[in-house]
PDB file of N, CA and C in Angstrom:
ATOM      1  N   ILE A   1     217.961 -69.556 162.569  1.00  0.00           N
ATOM      2  CA  ILE A   1     218.919 -70.010 163.559  1.00  0.00           C
ATOM      3  C   ILE A   1     219.633 -68.815 164.190  1.00  0.00           C
ATOM      4  N   SER A   2     219.917 -67.809 163.375  1.00  0.00           N
ATOM      5  CA  SER A   2     220.653 -66.653 163.896  1.00  0.00           C
ATOM      6  C   SER A   2     219.854 -65.825 164.897  1.00  0.00           C
ATOM      7  N   VAL A   3     218.548 -65.932 164.897  1.00  0.00           N
ATOM      8  CA  VAL A   3     217.737 -65.166 165.851  1.00  0.00           C
ATOM      9  C   VAL A   3     217.302 -65.993 167.064  1.00  0.00           C
ATOM     10  N   ALA A   4     217.618 -67.269 167.082  1.00  0.00           N
ATOM     11  CA  ALA A   4     217.132 -68.163 168.145  1.00  0.00           C
ATOM     12  C   ALA A   4     217.567 -67.722 169.543  1.00  0.00           C
ATOM     13  N   SER A   5     218.764 -67.157 169.654  1.00  0.00           N
ATOM     14  CA  SER A   5     219.238 -66.737 170.986  1.00  0.00           C
ATOM     15  C   SER A   5     218.512 -65.490 171.487  1.00  0.00           C
ATOM     16  N   HIS A   6     217.730 -64.848 170.619  1.00  0.00           N
ATOM     17  CA  HIS A   6     216.995 -63.636 170.982  1.00  0.00           C
ATOM     18  C   HIS A   6     215.498 -63.891 171.139  1.00  0.00           C
ATOM     19  N   ALA A   7     215.093 -65.150 171.057  1.00  0.00           N
ATOM     20  CA  ALA A   7     213.660 -65.461 171.068  1.00  0.00           C
ATOM     21  C   ALA A   7     213.380 -66.645 171.983  1.00  0.00           C
ATOM     22  N   GLY A   8     212.153 -66.689 172.461  1.00  0.00           N
ATOM     23  CA  GLY A   8     211.730 -67.838 173.248  1.00  0.00           C
ATOM     24  C   GLY A   8     211.524 -69.062 172.377  1.00  0.00           C
ATOM     25  N   LYS A   9     210.967 -68.832 171.176  1.00  0.00           N
ATOM     26  CA  LYS A   9     210.687 -69.924 170.252  1.00  0.00           C
ATOM     27  C   LYS A   9     210.781 -69.394 168.825  1.00  0.00           C
ATOM     28  N   VAL A  10     211.370 -70.207 167.951  1.00  0.00           N
ATOM     29  CA  VAL A  10     211.511 -69.844 166.541  1.00  0.00           C
ATOM     30  C   VAL A  10     210.954 -70.983 165.700  1.00  0.00           C
ATOM     31  N   ILE A  11     210.177 -70.619 164.687  1.00  0.00           N
ATOM     32  CA  ILE A  11     209.661 -71.604 163.734  1.00  0.00           C
ATOM     33  C   ILE A  11     210.136 -71.183 162.354  1.00  0.00           C
ATOM     34  N   GLY A  12     210.895 -72.057 161.709  1.00  0.00           N
ATOM     35  CA  GLY A  12     211.362 -71.796 160.356  1.00  0.00           C
ATOM     36  C   GLY A  12     210.447 -72.465 159.355  1.00  0.00           C
ATOM     37  N   VAL A  13     210.115 -71.767 158.283  1.00  0.00           N
ATOM     38  CA  VAL A  13     209.214 -72.286 157.258  1.00  0.00           C
ATOM     39  C   VAL A  13     209.936 -72.199 155.918  1.00  0.00           C
ATOM     40  N   GLU A  14     209.961 -73.307 155.200  1.00  0.00           N
ATOM     41  CA  GLU A  14     210.688 -73.374 153.938  1.00  0.00           C
ATOM     42  C   GLU A  14     210.078 -74.466 153.078  1.00  0.00           C
ATOM     43  N   LEU A  15     209.991 -74.219 151.775  1.00  0.00           N
ATOM     44  CA  LEU A  15     209.456 -75.215 150.838  1.00  0.00           C
ATOM     45  C   LEU A  15     210.489 -76.247 150.404  1.00  0.00           C
ATOM     46  N   ASN A  16     211.746 -75.871 150.426  1.00  0.00           N
ATOM     47  CA  ASN A  16     212.805 -76.733 149.935  1.00  0.00           C
ATOM     48  C   ASN A  16     213.201 -77.763 150.995  1.00  0.00           C
ATOM     49  N   GLU A  17     212.996 -79.040 150.666  1.00  0.00           N
ATOM     50  CA  GLU A  17     213.254 -80.119 151.630  1.00  0.00           C
ATOM     51  C   GLU A  17     214.716 -80.155 152.073  1.00  0.00           C
ATOM     52  N   GLN A  18     215.630 -79.966 151.142  1.00  0.00           N
ATOM     53  CA  GLN A  18     217.049 -80.001 151.506  1.00  0.00           C
ATOM     54  C   GLN A  18     217.402 -78.853 152.443  1.00  0.00           C
ATOM     55  N   ALA A  19     216.817 -77.682 152.224  1.00  0.00           N
ATOM     56  CA  ALA A  19     217.067 -76.539 153.105  1.00  0.00           C
ATOM     57  C   ALA A  19     216.560 -76.825 154.517  1.00  0.00           C
ATOM     58  N   VAL A  20     215.406 -77.471 154.626  1.00  0.00           N
ATOM     59  CA  VAL A  20     214.867 -77.832 155.941  1.00  0.00           C
ATOM     60  C   VAL A  20     215.786 -78.850 156.617  1.00  0.00           C
ATOM     61  N   ASN A  21     216.217 -79.863 155.869  1.00  0.00           N
ATOM     62  CA  ASN A  21     217.125 -80.870 156.432  1.00  0.00           C
ATOM     63  C   ASN A  21     218.429 -80.237 156.900  1.00  0.00           C
ATOM     64  N   ASP A  22     218.987 -79.354 156.079  1.00  0.00           N
ATOM     65  CA  ASP A  22     220.233 -78.669 156.449  1.00  0.00           C
ATOM     66  C   ASP A  22     220.046 -77.813 157.700  1.00  0.00           C
ATOM     67  N   ALA A  23     218.916 -77.131 157.791  1.00  0.00           N
ATOM     68  CA  ALA A  23     218.640 -76.284 158.961  1.00  0.00           C
ATOM     69  C   ALA A  23     218.521 -77.134 160.225  1.00  0.00           C
ATOM     70  N   GLN A  24     217.876 -78.279 160.115  1.00  0.00           N
ATOM     71  CA  GLN A  24     217.745 -79.173 161.270  1.00  0.00           C
ATOM     72  C   GLN A  24     219.117 -79.668 161.736  1.00  0.00           C
ATOM     73  N   VAL A  25     219.968 -80.024 160.797  1.00  0.00           N
ATOM     74  CA  VAL A  25     221.329 -80.458 161.140  1.00  0.00           C
ATOM     75  C   VAL A  25     222.095 -79.306 161.778  1.00  0.00           C
ATOM     76  N   ASN A  26     221.986 -78.113 161.204  1.00  0.00           N
ATOM     77  CA  ASN A  26     222.673 -76.937 161.732  1.00  0.00           C
ATOM     78  C   ASN A  26     222.228 -76.644 163.166  1.00  0.00           C
ATOM     79  N   ALA A  27     220.933 -76.716 163.419  1.00  0.00           N
ATOM     80  CA  ALA A  27     220.427 -76.473 164.778  1.00  0.00           C
ATOM     81  C   ALA A  27     220.966 -77.520 165.750  1.00  0.00           C
ATOM     82  N   LYS A  28     221.017 -78.754 165.314  1.00  0.00           N
ATOM     83  CA  LYS A  28     221.527 -79.828 166.184  1.00  0.00           C
ATOM     84  C   LYS A  28     223.014 -79.631 166.473  1.00  0.00           C
ATOM     85  N   ILE A  29     223.797 -79.331 165.441  1.00  0.00           N
ATOM     86  CA  ILE A  29     225.236 -79.101 165.614  1.00  0.00           C
ATOM     87  C   ILE A  29     225.489 -77.967 166.596  1.00  0.00           C
ATOM     88  N   ASN A  30     224.662 -76.928 166.522  1.00  0.00           N
ATOM     89  CA  ASN A  30     224.834 -75.747 167.373  1.00  0.00           C
ATOM     90  C   ASN A  30     224.039 -75.821 168.671  1.00  0.00           C
ATOM     91  N   ASN A  31     223.440 -76.983 168.936  1.00  0.00           N
ATOM     92  CA  ASN A  31     222.710 -77.225 170.184  1.00  0.00           C
ATOM     93  C   ASN A  31     221.616 -76.179 170.435  1.00  0.00           C
ATOM     94  N   ILE A  32     220.891 -75.839 169.378  1.00  0.00           N
ATOM     95  CA  ILE A  32     219.798 -74.874 169.487  1.00  0.00           C
ATOM     96  C   ILE A  32     218.505 -75.661 169.671  1.00  0.00           C
ATOM     97  N   LYS A  33     217.869 -75.480 170.805  1.00  0.00           N
ATOM     98  CA  LYS A  33     216.711 -76.299 171.184  1.00  0.00           C
ATOM     99  C   LYS A  33     215.369 -75.599 170.975  1.00  0.00           C
ATOM    100  N   ASN A  34     215.372 -74.279 170.834  1.00  0.00           N
ATOM    101  CA  ASN A  34     214.114 -73.527 170.774  1.00  0.00           C
ATOM    102  C   ASN A  34     213.675 -73.234 169.336  1.00  0.00           C
ATOM    103  N   ILE A  35     214.009 -74.134 168.417  1.00  0.00           N
ATOM    104  CA  ILE A  35     213.691 -73.896 167.013  1.00  0.00           C
ATOM    105  C   ILE A  35     213.151 -75.171 166.380  1.00  0.00           C
ATOM    106  N   SER A  36     212.195 -74.981 165.483  1.00  0.00           N
ATOM    107  CA  SER A  36     211.680 -76.101 164.696  1.00  0.00           C
ATOM    108  C   SER A  36     211.503 -75.629 163.261  1.00  0.00           C
ATOM    109  N   PHE A  37     211.412 -76.572 162.348  1.00  0.00           N
ATOM    110  CA  PHE A  37     211.312 -76.242 160.932  1.00  0.00           C
ATOM    111  C   PHE A  37     210.170 -77.019 160.307  1.00  0.00           C
ATOM    112  N   ASP A  38     209.383 -76.320 159.492  1.00  0.00           N
ATOM    113  CA  ASP A  38     208.265 -76.935 158.779  1.00  0.00           C
ATOM    114  C   ASP A  38     208.475 -76.763 157.288  1.00  0.00           C
ATOM    115  N   MET A  39     208.271 -77.846 156.547  1.00  0.00           N
ATOM    116  CA  MET A  39     208.381 -77.783 155.096  1.00  0.00           C
ATOM    117  C   MET A  39     206.987 -77.540 154.520  1.00  0.00           C
ATOM    118  N   VAL A  40     206.614 -76.266 154.452  1.00  0.00           N
ATOM    119  CA  VAL A  40     205.308 -75.858 153.929  1.00  0.00           C
ATOM    120  C   VAL A  40     205.459 -74.521 153.212  1.00  0.00           C
ATOM    121  N   ASN A  41     204.461 -74.184 152.434  1.00  0.00           N
ATOM    122  CA  ASN A  41     204.412 -72.871 151.804  1.00  0.00           C
ATOM    123  C   ASN A  41     204.013 -71.854 152.870  1.00  0.00           C
ATOM    124  N   ALA A  42     204.772 -70.780 152.978  1.00  0.00           N
ATOM    125  CA  ALA A  42     204.510 -69.762 154.004  1.00  0.00           C
ATOM    126  C   ALA A  42     203.098 -69.198 153.914  1.00  0.00           C
ATOM    127  N   ASN A  43     202.515 -69.157 152.714  1.00  0.00           N
ATOM    128  CA  ASN A  43     201.181 -68.560 152.595  1.00  0.00           C
ATOM    129  C   ASN A  43     200.083 -69.468 153.140  1.00  0.00           C
ATOM    130  N   SER A  44     200.427 -70.704 153.499  1.00  0.00           N
ATOM    131  CA  SER A  44     199.424 -71.619 154.038  1.00  0.00           C
ATOM    132  C   SER A  44     199.316 -71.528 155.557  1.00  0.00           C
ATOM    133  N   ILE A  45     200.149 -70.705 156.154  1.00  0.00           N
ATOM    134  CA  ILE A  45     200.178 -70.599 157.616  1.00  0.00           C
ATOM    135  C   ILE A  45     199.414 -69.361 158.061  1.00  0.00           C
ATOM    136  N   LEU A  46     198.490 -69.546 158.978  1.00  0.00           N
ATOM    137  CA  LEU A  46     197.840 -68.404 159.613  1.00  0.00           C
ATOM    138  C   LEU A  46     198.769 -67.940 160.727  1.00  0.00           C
ATOM    139  N   ILE A  47     199.268 -66.734 160.572  1.00  0.00           N
ATOM    140  CA  ILE A  47     200.283 -66.217 161.486  1.00  0.00           C
ATOM    141  C   ILE A  47     199.594 -65.431 162.587  1.00  0.00           C
ATOM    142  N   ASN A  48     199.715 -65.907 163.810  1.00  0.00           N
ATOM    143  CA  ASN A  48     199.202 -65.133 164.942  1.00  0.00           C
ATOM    144  C   ASN A  48     199.985 -65.493 166.196  1.00  0.00           C
ATOM    145  N   ASN A  49     199.864 -64.673 167.183  1.00  0.00           N
ATOM    146  CA  ASN A  49     200.539 -64.871 168.466  1.00  0.00           C
ATOM    147  C   ASN A  49     202.060 -64.836 168.372  1.00  0.00           C
ATOM    148  N   TYR A  50     202.598 -64.078 167.422  1.00  0.00           N
ATOM    149  CA  TYR A  50     204.041 -63.898 167.317  1.00  0.00           C
ATOM    150  C   TYR A  50     204.348 -62.420 167.458  1.00  0.00           C
ATOM    151  N   ASP A  51     205.385 -62.121 168.218  1.00  0.00           N
ATOM    152  CA  ASP A  51     205.805 -60.729 168.379  1.00  0.00           C
ATOM    153  C   ASP A  51     206.536 -60.228 167.144  1.00  0.00           C
ATOM    154  N   VAL A  52     207.389 -61.086 166.583  1.00  0.00           N
ATOM    155  CA  VAL A  52     208.220 -60.711 165.446  1.00  0.00           C
ATOM    156  C   VAL A  52     208.113 -61.798 164.377  1.00  0.00           C
ATOM    157  N   ILE A  53     207.976 -61.367 163.138  1.00  0.00           N
ATOM    158  CA  ILE A  53     207.961 -62.286 162.002  1.00  0.00           C
ATOM    159  C   ILE A  53     209.082 -61.853 161.062  1.00  0.00           C
ATOM    160  N   VAL A  54     209.901 -62.806 160.641  1.00  0.00           N
ATOM    161  CA  VAL A  54     210.975 -62.544 159.690  1.00  0.00           C
ATOM    162  C   VAL A  54     210.581 -63.198 158.376  1.00  0.00           C
ATOM    163  N   VAL A  55     210.602 -62.427 157.312  1.00  0.00           N
ATOM    164  CA  VAL A  55     210.322 -62.969 155.976  1.00  0.00           C
ATOM    165  C   VAL A  55     211.528 -62.716 155.083  1.00  0.00           C
ATOM    166  N   ASP A  56     211.832 -63.691 154.262  1.00  0.00           N
ATOM    167  CA  ASP A  56     212.933 -63.594 153.300  1.00  0.00           C
ATOM    168  C   ASP A  56     212.471 -64.289 152.022  1.00  0.00           C
ATOM    169  N   PRO A  57     211.583 -63.617 151.285  1.00  0.00           N
ATOM    170  CA  PRO A  57     210.983 -64.254 150.108  1.00  0.00           C
ATOM    171  C   PRO A  57     211.950 -64.343 148.934  1.00  0.00           C
ATOM    172  N   PRO A  58     211.587 -65.129 147.927  1.00  0.00           N
ATOM    173  CA  PRO A  58     212.385 -65.148 146.691  1.00  0.00           C
ATOM    174  C   PRO A  58     212.271 -63.796 145.976  1.00  0.00           C
ATOM    175  N   ARG A  59     212.994 -63.649 144.878  1.00  0.00           N
ATOM    176  CA  ARG A  59     213.034 -62.363 144.157  1.00  0.00           C
ATOM    177  C   ARG A  59     211.653 -61.835 143.785  1.00  0.00           C
ATOM    178  N   GLY A  60     210.690 -62.714 143.603  1.00  0.00           N
ATOM    179  CA  GLY A  60     209.332 -62.300 143.244  1.00  0.00           C
ATOM    180  C   GLY A  60     208.569 -61.655 144.386  1.00  0.00           C
ATOM    181  N   GLY A  61     209.133 -61.668 145.588  1.00  0.00           N
ATOM    182  CA  GLY A  61     208.485 -61.035 146.739  1.00  0.00           C
ATOM    183  C   GLY A  61     207.403 -61.904 147.344  1.00  0.00           C
ATOM    184  N   LEU A  62     206.623 -61.301 148.217  1.00  0.00           N
ATOM    185  CA  LEU A  62     205.546 -61.997 148.911  1.00  0.00           C
ATOM    186  C   LEU A  62     204.303 -62.071 148.034  1.00  0.00           C
ATOM    187  N   ASP A  63     203.594 -63.188 148.108  1.00  0.00           N
ATOM    188  CA  ASP A  63     202.331 -63.268 147.373  1.00  0.00           C
ATOM    189  C   ASP A  63     201.234 -62.596 148.192  1.00  0.00           C
ATOM    190  N   LYS A  64     200.106 -62.353 147.544  1.00  0.00           N
ATOM    191  CA  LYS A  64     199.016 -61.603 148.197  1.00  0.00           C
ATOM    192  C   LYS A  64     198.467 -62.316 149.424  1.00  0.00           C
ATOM    193  N   LYS A  65     198.419 -63.638 149.398  1.00  0.00           N
ATOM    194  CA  LYS A  65     197.907 -64.381 150.556  1.00  0.00           C
ATOM    195  C   LYS A  65     198.834 -64.190 151.766  1.00  0.00           C
ATOM    196  N   THR A  66     200.131 -64.219 151.525  1.00  0.00           N
ATOM    197  CA  THR A  66     201.077 -63.996 152.623  1.00  0.00           C
ATOM    198  C   THR A  66     200.980 -62.568 153.142  1.00  0.00           C
ATOM    199  N   ILE A  67     200.839 -61.603 152.242  1.00  0.00           N
ATOM    200  CA  ILE A  67     200.642 -60.201 152.658  1.00  0.00           C
ATOM    201  C   ILE A  67     199.414 -60.104 153.559  1.00  0.00           C
ATOM    202  N   ASN A  68     198.311 -60.705 153.148  1.00  0.00           N
ATOM    203  CA  ASN A  68     197.086 -60.669 153.961  1.00  0.00           C
ATOM    204  C   ASN A  68     197.293 -61.346 155.307  1.00  0.00           C
ATOM    205  N   ASN A  69     198.012 -62.467 155.312  1.00  0.00           N
ATOM    206  CA  ASN A  69     198.301 -63.147 156.580  1.00  0.00           C
ATOM    207  C   ASN A  69     199.120 -62.247 157.497  1.00  0.00           C
ATOM    208  N   LEU A  70     200.100 -61.536 156.945  1.00  0.00           N
ATOM    209  CA  LEU A  70     200.895 -60.620 157.753  1.00  0.00           C
ATOM    210  C   LEU A  70     200.042 -59.468 158.281  1.00  0.00           C
ATOM    211  N   LEU A  71     199.187 -58.912 157.430  1.00  0.00           N
ATOM    212  CA  LEU A  71     198.319 -57.808 157.860  1.00  0.00           C
ATOM    213  C   LEU A  71     197.379 -58.226 158.982  1.00  0.00           C
ATOM    214  N   ASN A  72     196.993 -59.485 159.005  1.00  0.00           N
ATOM    215  CA  ASN A  72     196.077 -59.986 160.032  1.00  0.00           C
ATOM    216  C   ASN A  72     196.790 -60.640 161.209  1.00  0.00           C
ATOM    217  N   SER A  73     198.115 -60.636 161.197  1.00  0.00           N
ATOM    218  CA  SER A  73     198.883 -61.350 162.214  1.00  0.00           C
ATOM    219  C   SER A  73     198.917 -60.639 163.562  1.00  0.00           C
ATOM    220  N   GLY A  74     198.890 -59.317 163.539  1.00  0.00           N
ATOM    221  CA  GLY A  74     199.031 -58.567 164.781  1.00  0.00           C
ATOM    222  C   GLY A  74     200.457 -58.525 165.306  1.00  0.00           C
ATOM    223  N   ALA A  75     201.411 -59.039 164.537  1.00  0.00           N
ATOM    224  CA  ALA A  75     202.812 -59.023 164.969  1.00  0.00           C
ATOM    225  C   ALA A  75     203.266 -57.590 165.204  1.00  0.00           C
ATOM    226  N   LYS A  76     204.031 -57.385 166.260  1.00  0.00           N
ATOM    227  CA  LYS A  76     204.519 -56.049 166.579  1.00  0.00           C
ATOM    228  C   LYS A  76     205.582 -55.581 165.593  1.00  0.00           C
ATOM    229  N   LYS A  77     206.361 -56.546 165.063  1.00  0.00           N
ATOM    230  CA  LYS A  77     207.434 -56.198 164.134  1.00  0.00           C
ATOM    231  C   LYS A  77     207.499 -57.235 163.017  1.00  0.00           C
ATOM    232  N   ILE A  78     207.872 -56.763 161.840  1.00  0.00           N
ATOM    233  CA  ILE A  78     208.186 -57.631 160.714  1.00  0.00           C
ATOM    234  C   ILE A  78     209.585 -57.246 160.251  1.00  0.00           C
ATOM    235  N   VAL A  79     210.449 -58.232 160.165  1.00  0.00           N
ATOM    236  CA  VAL A  79     211.770 -58.029 159.582  1.00  0.00           C
ATOM    237  C   VAL A  79     211.688 -58.608 158.178  1.00  0.00           C
ATOM    238  N   TYR A  80     211.899 -57.758 157.189  1.00  0.00           N
ATOM    239  CA  TYR A  80     211.760 -58.154 155.788  1.00  0.00           C
ATOM    240  C   TYR A  80     213.141 -58.113 155.146  1.00  0.00           C
ATOM    241  N   VAL A  81     213.630 -59.280 154.738  1.00  0.00           N
ATOM    242  CA  VAL A  81     214.914 -59.403 154.061  1.00  0.00           C
ATOM    243  C   VAL A  81     214.620 -59.576 152.576  1.00  0.00           C
ATOM    244  N   SER A  82     215.290 -58.792 151.740  1.00  0.00           N
ATOM    245  CA  SER A  82     214.974 -58.838 150.321  1.00  0.00           C
ATOM    246  C   SER A  82     216.216 -58.647 149.456  1.00  0.00           C
ATOM    247  N   CYS A  83     216.236 -59.356 148.335  1.00  0.00           N
ATOM    248  CA  CYS A  83     217.297 -59.167 147.346  1.00  0.00           C
ATOM    249  C   CYS A  83     216.757 -58.447 146.112  1.00  0.00           C
ATOM    250  N   ASN A  84     215.514 -57.967 146.183  1.00  0.00           N
ATOM    251  CA  ASN A  84     214.906 -57.283 145.043  1.00  0.00           C
ATOM    252  C   ASN A  84     214.189 -56.034 145.548  1.00  0.00           C
ATOM    253  N   THR A  85     214.791 -54.885 145.317  1.00  0.00           N
ATOM    254  CA  THR A  85     214.229 -53.637 145.845  1.00  0.00           C
ATOM    255  C   THR A  85     212.870 -53.300 145.230  1.00  0.00           C
ATOM    256  N   ILE A  86     212.612 -53.761 144.014  1.00  0.00           N
ATOM    257  CA  ILE A  86     211.328 -53.474 143.356  1.00  0.00           C
ATOM    258  C   ILE A  86     210.189 -54.200 144.092  1.00  0.00           C
ATOM    259  N   THR A  87     210.348 -55.504 144.338  1.00  0.00           N
ATOM    260  CA  THR A  87     209.282 -56.235 145.031  1.00  0.00           C
ATOM    261  C   THR A  87     209.227 -55.857 146.511  1.00  0.00           C
ATOM    262  N   LEU A  88     210.359 -55.492 147.073  1.00  0.00           N
ATOM    263  CA  LEU A  88     210.367 -55.010 148.460  1.00  0.00           C
ATOM    264  C   LEU A  88     209.497 -53.767 148.589  1.00  0.00           C
ATOM    265  N   ALA A  89     209.701 -52.796 147.705  1.00  0.00           N
ATOM    266  CA  ALA A  89     208.902 -51.558 147.732  1.00  0.00           C
ATOM    267  C   ALA A  89     207.427 -51.864 147.530  1.00  0.00           C
ATOM    268  N   ARG A  90     207.120 -52.751 146.601  1.00  0.00           N
ATOM    269  CA  ARG A  90     205.722 -53.135 146.346  1.00  0.00           C
ATOM    270  C   ARG A  90     205.087 -53.737 147.603  1.00  0.00           C
ATOM    271  N   ASP A  91     205.808 -54.656 148.251  1.00  0.00           N
ATOM    272  CA  ASP A  91     205.252 -55.336 149.417  1.00  0.00           C
ATOM    273  C   ASP A  91     205.105 -54.402 150.613  1.00  0.00           C
ATOM    274  N   ILE A  92     206.085 -53.535 150.822  1.00  0.00           N
ATOM    275  CA  ILE A  92     205.965 -52.558 151.920  1.00  0.00           C
ATOM    276  C   ILE A  92     204.780 -51.645 151.679  1.00  0.00           C
ATOM    277  N   ASP A  93     204.554 -51.279 150.430  1.00  0.00           N
ATOM    278  CA  ASP A  93     203.392 -50.451 150.096  1.00  0.00           C
ATOM    279  C   ASP A  93     202.090 -51.173 150.445  1.00  0.00           C
ATOM    280  N   MET A  94     202.040 -52.483 150.233  1.00  0.00           N
ATOM    281  CA  MET A  94     200.827 -53.244 150.558  1.00  0.00           C
ATOM    282  C   MET A  94     200.649 -53.441 152.062  1.00  0.00           C
ATOM    283  N   LEU A  95     201.724 -53.293 152.830  1.00  0.00           N
ATOM    284  CA  LEU A  95     201.653 -53.455 154.287  1.00  0.00           C
ATOM    285  C   LEU A  95     201.464 -52.125 155.015  1.00  0.00           C
ATOM    286  N   LYS A  96     201.486 -51.013 154.285  1.00  0.00           N
ATOM    287  CA  LYS A  96     201.554 -49.686 154.909  1.00  0.00           C
ATOM    288  C   LYS A  96     200.327 -49.292 155.724  1.00  0.00           C
ATOM    289  N   ASP A  97     199.187 -49.943 155.521  1.00  0.00           N
ATOM    290  CA  ASP A  97     198.011 -49.593 156.321  1.00  0.00           C
ATOM    291  C   ASP A  97     198.201 -49.957 157.794  1.00  0.00           C
ATOM    292  N   LYS A  98     198.994 -50.993 158.057  1.00  0.00           N
ATOM    293  CA  LYS A  98     199.185 -51.427 159.439  1.00  0.00           C
ATOM    294  C   LYS A  98     200.628 -51.331 159.923  1.00  0.00           C
ATOM    295  N   TYR A  99     201.570 -51.213 158.994  1.00  0.00           N
ATOM    296  CA  TYR A  99     202.985 -51.195 159.372  1.00  0.00           C
ATOM    297  C   TYR A  99     203.687 -49.992 158.782  1.00  0.00           C
ATOM    298  N   VAL A 100     204.654 -49.486 159.533  1.00  0.00           N
ATOM    299  CA  VAL A 100     205.461 -48.367 159.078  1.00  0.00           C
ATOM    300  C   VAL A 100     206.906 -48.850 158.978  1.00  0.00           C
ATOM    301  N   LEU A 101     207.582 -48.427 157.914  1.00  0.00           N
ATOM    302  CA  LEU A 101     208.994 -48.755 157.749  1.00  0.00           C
ATOM    303  C   LEU A 101     209.785 -47.938 158.756  1.00  0.00           C
ATOM    304  N   ASP A 102     210.441 -48.613 159.691  1.00  0.00           N
ATOM    305  CA  ASP A 102     211.179 -47.946 160.752  1.00  0.00           C
ATOM    306  C   ASP A 102     212.663 -47.814 160.415  1.00  0.00           C
ATOM    307  N   LYS A 103     213.258 -48.888 159.894  1.00  0.00           N
ATOM    308  CA  LYS A 103     214.688 -48.874 159.578  1.00  0.00           C
ATOM    309  C   LYS A 103     214.930 -49.717 158.336  1.00  0.00           C
ATOM    310  N   ILE A 104     215.968 -49.366 157.617  1.00  0.00           N
ATOM    311  CA  ILE A 104     216.407 -50.166 156.482  1.00  0.00           C
ATOM    312  C   ILE A 104     217.932 -50.136 156.450  1.00  0.00           C
ATOM    313  N   THR A 105     218.503 -51.307 156.244  1.00  0.00           N
ATOM    314  CA  THR A 105     219.951 -51.428 156.108  1.00  0.00           C
ATOM    315  C   THR A 105     220.233 -52.178 154.821  1.00  0.00           C
ATOM    316  N   LEU A 106     221.193 -51.676 154.055  1.00  0.00           N
ATOM    317  CA  LEU A 106     221.556 -52.293 152.792  1.00  0.00           C
ATOM    318  C   LEU A 106     222.903 -52.985 152.931  1.00  0.00           C
ATOM    319  N   PHE A 107     223.024 -54.141 152.294  1.00  0.00           N
ATOM    320  CA  PHE A 107     224.258 -54.909 152.303  1.00  0.00           C
ATOM    321  C   PHE A 107     224.676 -55.178 150.860  1.00  0.00           C
ATOM    322  N   ASP A 108     225.915 -54.856 150.539  1.00  0.00           N
ATOM    323  CA  ASP A 108     226.438 -55.099 149.197  1.00  0.00           C
ATOM    324  C   ASP A 108     227.040 -56.502 149.155  1.00  0.00           C
ATOM    325  N   ASN A 109     226.169 -57.497 149.122  1.00  0.00           N
ATOM    326  CA  ASN A 109     226.611 -58.892 149.069  1.00  0.00           C
ATOM    327  C   ASN A 109     227.018 -59.314 147.666  1.00  0.00           C
ATOM    328  N   PHE A 110     226.749 -58.458 146.703  1.00  0.00           N
ATOM    329  CA  PHE A 110     226.988 -58.789 145.300  1.00  0.00           C
ATOM    330  C   PHE A 110     227.850 -57.692 144.663  1.00  0.00           C
ATOM    331  N   PRO A 111     229.132 -57.591 145.042  1.00  0.00           N
ATOM    332  CA  PRO A 111     229.980 -56.513 144.540  1.00  0.00           C
ATOM    333  C   PRO A 111     230.020 -56.473 143.013  1.00  0.00           C
ATOM    334  N   ASN A 112     230.142 -55.268 142.511  1.00  0.00           N
ATOM    335  CA  ASN A 112     230.250 -55.013 141.071  1.00  0.00           C
ATOM    336  C   ASN A 112     228.996 -55.412 140.299  1.00  0.00           C
ATOM    337  N   THR A 113     227.858 -55.452 140.992  1.00  0.00           N
ATOM    338  CA  THR A 113     226.577 -55.681 140.326  1.00  0.00           C
ATOM    339  C   THR A 113     225.609 -54.611 140.808  1.00  0.00           C
ATOM    340  N   LYS A 114     224.449 -54.571 140.196  1.00  0.00           N
ATOM    341  CA  LYS A 114     223.416 -53.618 140.628  1.00  0.00           C
ATOM    342  C   LYS A 114     222.602 -54.154 141.805  1.00  0.00           C
ATOM    343  N   HIS A 115     222.864 -55.375 142.235  1.00  0.00           N
ATOM    344  CA  HIS A 115     222.052 -56.015 143.273  1.00  0.00           C
ATOM    345  C   HIS A 115     222.529 -55.640 144.674  1.00  0.00           C
ATOM    346  N   VAL A 116     221.564 -55.527 145.576  1.00  0.00           N
ATOM    347  CA  VAL A 116     221.846 -55.221 146.971  1.00  0.00           C
ATOM    348  C   VAL A 116     220.867 -56.012 147.840  1.00  0.00           C
ATOM    349  N   GLU A 117     221.307 -56.443 149.008  1.00  0.00           N
ATOM    350  CA  GLU A 117     220.442 -57.122 149.965  1.00  0.00           C
ATOM    351  C   GLU A 117     219.923 -56.061 150.936  1.00  0.00           C
ATOM    352  N   SER A 118     218.631 -56.069 151.195  1.00  0.00           N
ATOM    353  CA  SER A 118     218.008 -55.107 152.104  1.00  0.00           C
ATOM    354  C   SER A 118     217.433 -55.830 153.302  1.00  0.00           C
ATOM    355  N   VAL A 119     217.604 -55.238 154.472  1.00  0.00           N
ATOM    356  CA  VAL A 119     216.956 -55.748 155.676  1.00  0.00           C
ATOM    357  C   VAL A 119     216.170 -54.585 156.257  1.00  0.00           C
ATOM    358  N   CYS A 120     214.852 -54.778 156.343  1.00  0.00           N
ATOM    359  CA  CYS A 120     213.944 -53.712 156.788  1.00  0.00           C
ATOM    360  C   CYS A 120     213.235 -54.105 158.069  1.00  0.00           C
ATOM    361  N   LEU A 121     213.053 -53.139 158.924  1.00  0.00           N
ATOM    362  CA  LEU A 121     212.265 -53.328 160.127  1.00  0.00           C
ATOM    363  C   LEU A 121     210.970 -52.546 159.959  1.00  0.00           C
ATOM    364  N   LEU A 122     209.856 -53.259 159.989  1.00  0.00           N
ATOM    365  CA  LEU A 122     208.534 -52.630 159.938  1.00  0.00           C
ATOM    366  C   LEU A 122     207.907 -52.782 161.316  1.00  0.00           C
ATOM    367  N   LYS A 123     207.290 -51.723 161.791  1.00  0.00           N
ATOM    368  CA  LYS A 123     206.643 -51.748 163.103  1.00  0.00           C
ATOM    369  C   LYS A 123     205.148 -51.526 162.958  1.00  0.00           C
ATOM    370  N   LEU A 124     204.398 -52.230 163.786  1.00  0.00           N
ATOM    371  CA  LEU A 124     202.951 -52.082 163.826  1.00  0.00           C
ATOM    372  C   LEU A 124     202.601 -50.659 164.220  1.00  0.00           C
ATOM    373  N   LYS A 125     201.661 -50.054 163.499  1.00  0.00           N
ATOM    374  CA  LYS A 125     201.257 -48.664 163.813  1.00  0.00           C
ATOM    375  C   LYS A 125     200.469 -48.628 165.108  1.00  0.00           C
TER     376      LYS A 125
END
């Protein structure tokens, strides 16, 4: 929803039914018309014809099928949001043949803990 004003079309993908329902209500409340939500596993989607893909996986990171889908997507940019620096590093390493890490910003959303939220911009080589 936060990127909808910067895009022609946004598709949200989430496995959790309540999260999808909440997102649909949020979009309606905010009168956002260029967004839709699908309740599916992200690794089941063949990703193509998108300029930018945003991923925000669980702590376990992206699975190999999703990594392969991203590598074959041709997307110009991938924004990778992560709460686990170990799986983030692993996944970026698996994407490095086609994508380069351009920027990374860290957010201390969890004060007084070792956890940090990372937002990375990867660009197609």
